[in-house]
PDB file of all heavy atoms in Angstrom:
ATOM      1  N   GLY A   1       5.931  -2.529  11.142  1.00  0.00           N
ATOM      2  CA  GLY A   1       5.927  -1.375  10.258  1.00  0.00           C
ATOM      3  C   GLY A   1       7.219  -1.243   9.485  1.00  0.00           C
ATOM      4  O   GLY A   1       8.168  -2.005   9.675  1.00  0.00           O
ATOM      5  N   GLN A   2       7.262  -0.272   8.616  1.00  0.00           N
ATOM      6  CA  GLN A   2       8.428  -0.058   7.764  1.00  0.00           C
ATOM      7  C   GLN A   2       8.946   1.360   7.985  1.00  0.00           C
ATOM      8  O   GLN A   2       8.864   2.208   7.098  1.00  0.00           O
ATOM      9  CB  GLN A   2       8.041  -0.270   6.304  1.00  0.00           C
ATOM     10  CG  GLN A   2       7.469  -1.650   6.070  1.00  0.00           C
ATOM     11  CD  GLN A   2       6.606  -1.721   4.823  1.00  0.00           C
ATOM     12  OE1 GLN A   2       5.940  -0.785   4.438  1.00  0.00           O
ATOM     13  NE2 GLN A   2       6.616  -2.862   4.183  1.00  0.00           N
ATOM     14  N   PRO A   3       9.465   1.646   9.197  1.00  0.00           N
ATOM     15  CA  PRO A   3       9.849   3.015   9.492  1.00  0.00           C
ATOM     16  C   PRO A   3      11.084   3.497   8.753  1.00  0.00           C
ATOM     17  O   PRO A   3      11.197   4.672   8.467  1.00  0.00           O
ATOM     18  CB  PRO A   3      10.073   3.008  11.001  1.00  0.00           C
ATOM     19  CG  PRO A   3      10.378   1.590  11.333  1.00  0.00           C
ATOM     20  CD  PRO A   3       9.627   0.764  10.336  1.00  0.00           C
ATOM     21  N   GLY A   4      12.016   2.626   8.433  1.00  0.00           N
ATOM     22  CA  GLY A   4      13.232   3.066   7.755  1.00  0.00           C
ATOM     23  C   GLY A   4      14.063   3.949   8.677  1.00  0.00           C
ATOM     24  O   GLY A   4      13.797   4.082   9.854  1.00  0.00           O
ATOM     25  N   VAL A   5      15.059   4.579   8.121  1.00  0.00           N
ATOM     26  CA  VAL A   5      15.936   5.462   8.895  1.00  0.00           C
ATOM     27  C   VAL A   5      15.730   6.892   8.422  1.00  0.00           C
ATOM     28  O   VAL A   5      15.335   7.139   7.283  1.00  0.00           O
ATOM     29  CB  VAL A   5      17.419   5.050   8.736  1.00  0.00           C
ATOM     30  CG1 VAL A   5      17.667   3.670   9.324  1.00  0.00           C
ATOM     31  CG2 VAL A   5      17.831   5.080   7.290  1.00  0.00           C
ATOM     32  N   ALA A   6      15.995   7.833   9.300  1.00  0.00           N
ATOM     33  CA  ALA A   6      15.827   9.245   8.952  1.00  0.00           C
ATOM     34  C   ALA A   6      16.625   9.571   7.689  1.00  0.00           C
ATOM     35  O   ALA A   6      17.771   9.145   7.532  1.00  0.00           O
ATOM     36  CB  ALA A   6      16.269  10.123  10.110  1.00  0.00           C
ATOM     37  N   GLY A   7      15.991  10.293   6.781  1.00  0.00           N
ATOM     38  CA  GLY A   7      16.652  10.681   5.536  1.00  0.00           C
ATOM     39  C   GLY A   7      16.414   9.721   4.390  1.00  0.00           C
ATOM     40  O   GLY A   7      16.543  10.086   3.232  1.00  0.00           O
ATOM     41  N   ALA A   8      16.074   8.467   4.710  1.00  0.00           N
ATOM     42  CA  ALA A   8      15.803   7.482   3.656  1.00  0.00           C
ATOM     43  C   ALA A   8      14.326   7.564   3.278  1.00  0.00           C
ATOM     44  O   ALA A   8      13.488   7.866   4.124  1.00  0.00           O
ATOM     45  CB  ALA A   8      16.135   6.080   4.136  1.00  0.00           C
ATOM     46  N   PRO A   9      13.984   7.321   2.003  1.00  0.00           N
ATOM     47  CA  PRO A   9      12.571   7.354   1.639  1.00  0.00           C
ATOM     48  C   PRO A   9      11.799   6.231   2.320  1.00  0.00           C
ATOM     49  O   PRO A   9      12.342   5.170   2.606  1.00  0.00           O
ATOM     50  CB  PRO A   9      12.584   7.170   0.119  1.00  0.00           C
ATOM     51  CG  PRO A   9      13.896   6.552  -0.190  1.00  0.00           C
ATOM     52  CD  PRO A   9      14.839   6.980   0.881  1.00  0.00           C
ATOM     53  N   GLY A  10      10.525   6.488   2.584  1.00  0.00           N
ATOM     54  CA  GLY A  10       9.662   5.473   3.169  1.00  0.00           C
ATOM     55  C   GLY A  10       9.293   4.436   2.115  1.00  0.00           C
ATOM     56  O   GLY A  10       9.640   4.572   0.936  1.00  0.00           O
ATOM     57  N   PRO A  11       8.553   3.401   2.517  1.00  0.00           N
ATOM     58  CA  PRO A  11       8.172   2.345   1.572  1.00  0.00           C
ATOM     59  C   PRO A  11       7.126   2.810   0.559  1.00  0.00           C
ATOM     60  O   PRO A  11       6.853   2.133  -0.407  1.00  0.00           O
ATOM     61  CB  PRO A  11       7.604   1.254   2.473  1.00  0.00           C
ATOM     62  CG  PRO A  11       7.114   1.990   3.679  1.00  0.00           C
ATOM     63  CD  PRO A  11       8.062   3.141   3.849  1.00  0.00           C
ATOM     64  N   LEU A  12       6.564   3.989   0.810  1.00  0.00           N
ATOM     65  CA  LEU A  12       5.538   4.538  -0.062  1.00  0.00           C
ATOM     66  C   LEU A  12       5.876   6.000  -0.314  1.00  0.00           C
ATOM     67  O   LEU A  12       6.144   6.746   0.621  1.00  0.00           O
ATOM     68  CB  LEU A  12       4.172   4.415   0.629  1.00  0.00           C
ATOM     69  CG  LEU A  12       2.964   4.983  -0.088  1.00  0.00           C
ATOM     70  CD1 LEU A  12       2.720   4.246  -1.408  1.00  0.00           C
ATOM     71  CD2 LEU A  12       1.741   4.888   0.810  1.00  0.00           C
ATOM     72  N   ILE A  13       5.899   6.400  -1.574  1.00  0.00           N
ATOM     73  CA  ILE A  13       6.161   7.793  -1.931  1.00  0.00           C
ATOM     74  C   ILE A  13       4.949   8.295  -2.694  1.00  0.00           C
ATOM     75  O   ILE A  13       4.575   7.737  -3.720  1.00  0.00           O
ATOM     76  CB  ILE A  13       7.436   7.937  -2.786  1.00  0.00           C
ATOM     77  CG1 ILE A  13       8.642   7.413  -2.015  1.00  0.00           C
ATOM     78  CG2 ILE A  13       7.646   9.397  -3.191  1.00  0.00           C
ATOM     79  CD1 ILE A  13       9.938   7.366  -2.828  1.00  0.00           C
ATOM     80  N   LEU A  14       4.314   9.339  -2.152  1.00  0.00           N
ATOM     81  CA  LEU A  14       3.136   9.933  -2.764  1.00  0.00           C
ATOM     82  C   LEU A  14       3.513  11.302  -3.318  1.00  0.00           C
ATOM     83  O   LEU A  14       4.278  12.037  -2.702  1.00  0.00           O
ATOM     84  CB  LEU A  14       2.008  10.070  -1.735  1.00  0.00           C
ATOM     85  CG  LEU A  14       1.534   8.759  -1.122  1.00  0.00           C
ATOM     86  CD1 LEU A  14       0.554   9.024   0.014  1.00  0.00           C
ATOM     87  CD2 LEU A  14       0.897   7.867  -2.177  1.00  0.00           C
ATOM     88  N   GLU A  15       2.942  11.643  -4.461  1.00  0.00           N
ATOM     89  CA  GLU A  15       3.278  12.894  -5.132  1.00  0.00           C
ATOM     90  C   GLU A  15       2.181  13.935  -4.920  1.00  0.00           C
ATOM     91  O   GLU A  15       1.002  13.616  -4.874  1.00  0.00           O
ATOM     92  CB  GLU A  15       3.465  12.647  -6.629  1.00  0.00           C
ATOM     93  CG  GLU A  15       3.998  13.851  -7.358  1.00  0.00           C
ATOM     94  CD  GLU A  15       4.383  13.550  -8.794  1.00  0.00           C
ATOM     95  OE1 GLU A  15       3.990  12.482  -9.320  1.00  0.00           O
ATOM     96  OE2 GLU A  15       5.065  14.375  -9.391  1.00  0.00           O
ATOM     97  N   SER A  16       2.612  15.182  -4.814  1.00  0.00           N
ATOM     98  CA  SER A  16       1.703  16.316  -4.637  1.00  0.00           C
ATOM     99  C   SER A  16       2.047  17.390  -5.663  1.00  0.00           C
ATOM    100  O   SER A  16       3.212  17.566  -6.020  1.00  0.00           O
ATOM    101  CB  SER A  16       1.879  16.890  -3.224  1.00  0.00           C
ATOM    102  OG  SER A  16       1.222  18.127  -3.094  1.00  0.00           O
ATOM    103  N   ASP A  17       1.030  18.111  -6.114  1.00  0.00           N
ATOM    104  CA  ASP A  17       1.266  19.253  -6.999  1.00  0.00           C
ATOM    105  C   ASP A  17       1.671  20.489  -6.209  1.00  0.00           C
ATOM    106  O   ASP A  17       2.316  21.390  -6.740  1.00  0.00           O
ATOM    107  CB  ASP A  17       0.010  19.574  -7.816  1.00  0.00           C
ATOM    108  CG  ASP A  17      -0.286  18.512  -8.854  1.00  0.00           C
ATOM    109  OD1 ASP A  17       0.654  17.854  -9.335  1.00  0.00           O
ATOM    110  OD2 ASP A  17      -1.475  18.330  -9.182  1.00  0.00           O
ATOM    111  N   ASP A  18       1.283  20.558  -4.927  1.00  0.00           N
ATOM    112  CA  ASP A  18       1.605  21.691  -4.057  1.00  0.00           C
ATOM    113  C   ASP A  18       1.804  21.148  -2.648  1.00  0.00           C
ATOM    114  O   ASP A  18       0.889  21.154  -1.825  1.00  0.00           O
ATOM    115  CB  ASP A  18       0.484  22.728  -4.103  1.00  0.00           C
ATOM    116  CG  ASP A  18       0.826  24.008  -3.342  1.00  0.00           C
ATOM    117  OD1 ASP A  18       1.772  24.002  -2.521  1.00  0.00           O
ATOM    118  OD2 ASP A  18       0.126  25.013  -3.568  1.00  0.00           O
ATOM    119  N   LEU A  19       3.011  20.663  -2.370  1.00  0.00           N
ATOM    120  CA  LEU A  19       3.270  19.975  -1.113  1.00  0.00           C
ATOM    121  C   LEU A  19       3.157  20.909   0.086  1.00  0.00           C
ATOM    122  O   LEU A  19       2.684  20.503   1.138  1.00  0.00           O
ATOM    123  CB  LEU A  19       4.639  19.293  -1.141  1.00  0.00           C
ATOM    124  CG  LEU A  19       4.959  18.424   0.069  1.00  0.00           C
ATOM    125  CD1 LEU A  19       3.885  17.374   0.316  1.00  0.00           C
ATOM    126  CD2 LEU A  19       6.309  17.764  -0.092  1.00  0.00           C
ATOM    127  N   ARG A  20       3.566  22.145  -0.045  1.00  0.00           N
ATOM    128  CA  ARG A  20       3.467  23.061   1.098  1.00  0.00           C
ATOM    129  C   ARG A  20       1.998  23.258   1.514  1.00  0.00           C
ATOM    130  O   ARG A  20       1.671  23.249   2.696  1.00  0.00           O
ATOM    131  CB  ARG A  20       4.148  24.375   0.786  1.00  0.00           C
ATOM    132  CG  ARG A  20       5.652  24.219   0.646  1.00  0.00           C
ATOM    133  CD  ARG A  20       6.369  25.521   0.400  1.00  0.00           C
ATOM    134  NE  ARG A  20       7.742  25.282  -0.008  1.00  0.00           N
ATOM    135  CZ  ARG A  20       8.724  24.833   0.772  1.00  0.00           C
ATOM    136  NH1 ARG A  20       8.475  24.572   2.033  1.00  0.00           N
ATOM    137  NH2 ARG A  20       9.935  24.648   0.302  1.00  0.00           N
ATOM    138  N   LYS A  21       1.121  23.423   0.556  1.00  0.00           N
ATOM    139  CA  LYS A  21      -0.307  23.572   0.846  1.00  0.00           C
ATOM    140  C   LYS A  21      -0.858  22.280   1.444  1.00  0.00           C
ATOM    141  O   LYS A  21      -1.556  22.302   2.458  1.00  0.00           O
ATOM    142  CB  LYS A  21      -1.068  23.930  -0.435  1.00  0.00           C
ATOM    143  CG  LYS A  21      -2.564  24.109  -0.229  1.00  0.00           C
ATOM    144  CD  LYS A  21      -3.243  24.435  -1.538  1.00  0.00           C
ATOM    145  CE  LYS A  21      -4.080  23.245  -1.912  1.00  0.00           C
ATOM    146  NZ  LYS A  21      -4.682  23.244  -3.190  1.00  0.00           N
ATOM    147  N   ASP A  22      -0.528  21.131   0.828  1.00  0.00           N
ATOM    148  CA  ASP A  22      -1.022  19.843   1.323  1.00  0.00           C
ATOM    149  C   ASP A  22      -0.460  19.532   2.715  1.00  0.00           C
ATOM    150  O   ASP A  22      -1.151  18.968   3.558  1.00  0.00           O
ATOM    151  CB  ASP A  22      -0.666  18.722   0.348  1.00  0.00           C
ATOM    152  CG  ASP A  22      -1.441  18.827  -0.963  1.00  0.00           C
ATOM    153  OD1 ASP A  22      -2.451  19.567  -1.006  1.00  0.00           O
ATOM    154  OD2 ASP A  22      -1.026  18.184  -1.945  1.00  0.00           O
ATOM    155  N   PHE A  23       0.793  19.899   2.954  1.00  0.00           N
ATOM    156  CA  PHE A  23       1.435  19.693   4.259  1.00  0.00           C
ATOM    157  C   PHE A  23       0.624  20.413   5.346  1.00  0.00           C
ATOM    158  O   PHE A  23       0.300  19.821   6.378  1.00  0.00           O
ATOM    159  CB  PHE A  23       2.865  20.231   4.196  1.00  0.00           C
ATOM    160  CG  PHE A  23       3.671  20.045   5.445  1.00  0.00           C
ATOM    161  CD1 PHE A  23       4.483  18.936   5.606  1.00  0.00           C
ATOM    162  CD2 PHE A  23       3.651  20.997   6.447  1.00  0.00           C
ATOM    163  CE1 PHE A  23       5.262  18.771   6.748  1.00  0.00           C
ATOM    164  CE2 PHE A  23       4.416  20.838   7.600  1.00  0.00           C
ATOM    165  CZ  PHE A  23       5.221  19.732   7.749  1.00  0.00           C
ATOM    166  N   ALA A  24       0.283  21.679   5.097  1.00  0.00           N
ATOM    167  CA  ALA A  24      -0.477  22.459   6.075  1.00  0.00           C
ATOM    168  C   ALA A  24      -1.851  21.833   6.309  1.00  0.00           C
ATOM    169  O   ALA A  24      -2.319  21.726   7.458  1.00  0.00           O
ATOM    170  CB  ALA A  24      -0.611  23.905   5.605  1.00  0.00           C
ATOM    171  N   LEU A  25      -2.507  21.386   5.243  1.00  0.00           N
ATOM    172  CA  LEU A  25      -3.815  20.760   5.355  1.00  0.00           C
ATOM    173  C   LEU A  25      -3.720  19.458   6.158  1.00  0.00           C
ATOM    174  O   LEU A  25      -4.515  19.217   7.078  1.00  0.00           O
ATOM    175  CB  LEU A  25      -4.386  20.481   3.961  1.00  0.00           C
ATOM    176  CG  LEU A  25      -5.748  19.826   3.894  1.00  0.00           C
ATOM    177  CD1 LEU A  25      -6.817  20.749   4.473  1.00  0.00           C
ATOM    178  CD2 LEU A  25      -6.089  19.490   2.452  1.00  0.00           C
ATOM    179  N   MET A  26      -2.730  18.620   5.844  1.00  0.00           N
ATOM    180  CA  MET A  26      -2.570  17.342   6.542  1.00  0.00           C
ATOM    181  C   MET A  26      -2.214  17.559   8.011  1.00  0.00           C
ATOM    182  O   MET A  26      -2.719  16.854   8.887  1.00  0.00           O
ATOM    183  CB  MET A  26      -1.503  16.498   5.857  1.00  0.00           C
ATOM    184  CG  MET A  26      -1.920  15.948   4.524  1.00  0.00           C
ATOM    185  SD  MET A  26      -0.554  15.018   3.794  1.00  0.00           S
ATOM    186  CE  MET A  26      -0.930  15.170   2.063  1.00  0.00           C
ATOM    187  N   ARG A  27      -1.337  18.514   8.264  1.00  0.00           N
ATOM    188  CA  ARG A  27      -0.971  18.805   9.659  1.00  0.00           C
ATOM    189  C   ARG A  27      -2.221  19.226  10.435  1.00  0.00           C
ATOM    190  O   ARG A  27      -2.421  18.821  11.576  1.00  0.00           O
ATOM    191  CB  ARG A  27       0.084  19.889   9.733  1.00  0.00           C
ATOM    192  CG  ARG A  27       0.443  20.173  11.207  1.00  0.00           C
ATOM    193  CD  ARG A  27       1.350  21.334  11.360  1.00  0.00           C
ATOM    194  NE  ARG A  27       2.701  20.908  11.057  1.00  0.00           N
ATOM    195  CZ  ARG A  27       3.684  21.760  10.808  1.00  0.00           C
ATOM    196  NH1 ARG A  27       3.473  23.050  10.789  1.00  0.00           N
ATOM    197  NH2 ARG A  27       4.891  21.315  10.558  1.00  0.00           N
ATOM    198  N   GLY A  28      -3.076  20.040   9.813  1.00  0.00           N
ATOM    199  CA  GLY A  28      -4.328  20.441  10.439  1.00  0.00           C
ATOM    200  C   GLY A  28      -5.250  19.264  10.712  1.00  0.00           C
ATOM    201  O   GLY A  28      -6.092  19.320  11.612  1.00  0.00           O
TER     202      GLY A  28
END
């Protein structure tokens, strides 16, 4: 895998229009 180090971006960056809403949905 490509875990990287804390604070560094992962190998994939996905964009959201409303990250707080999407975060809650994904966590669920």
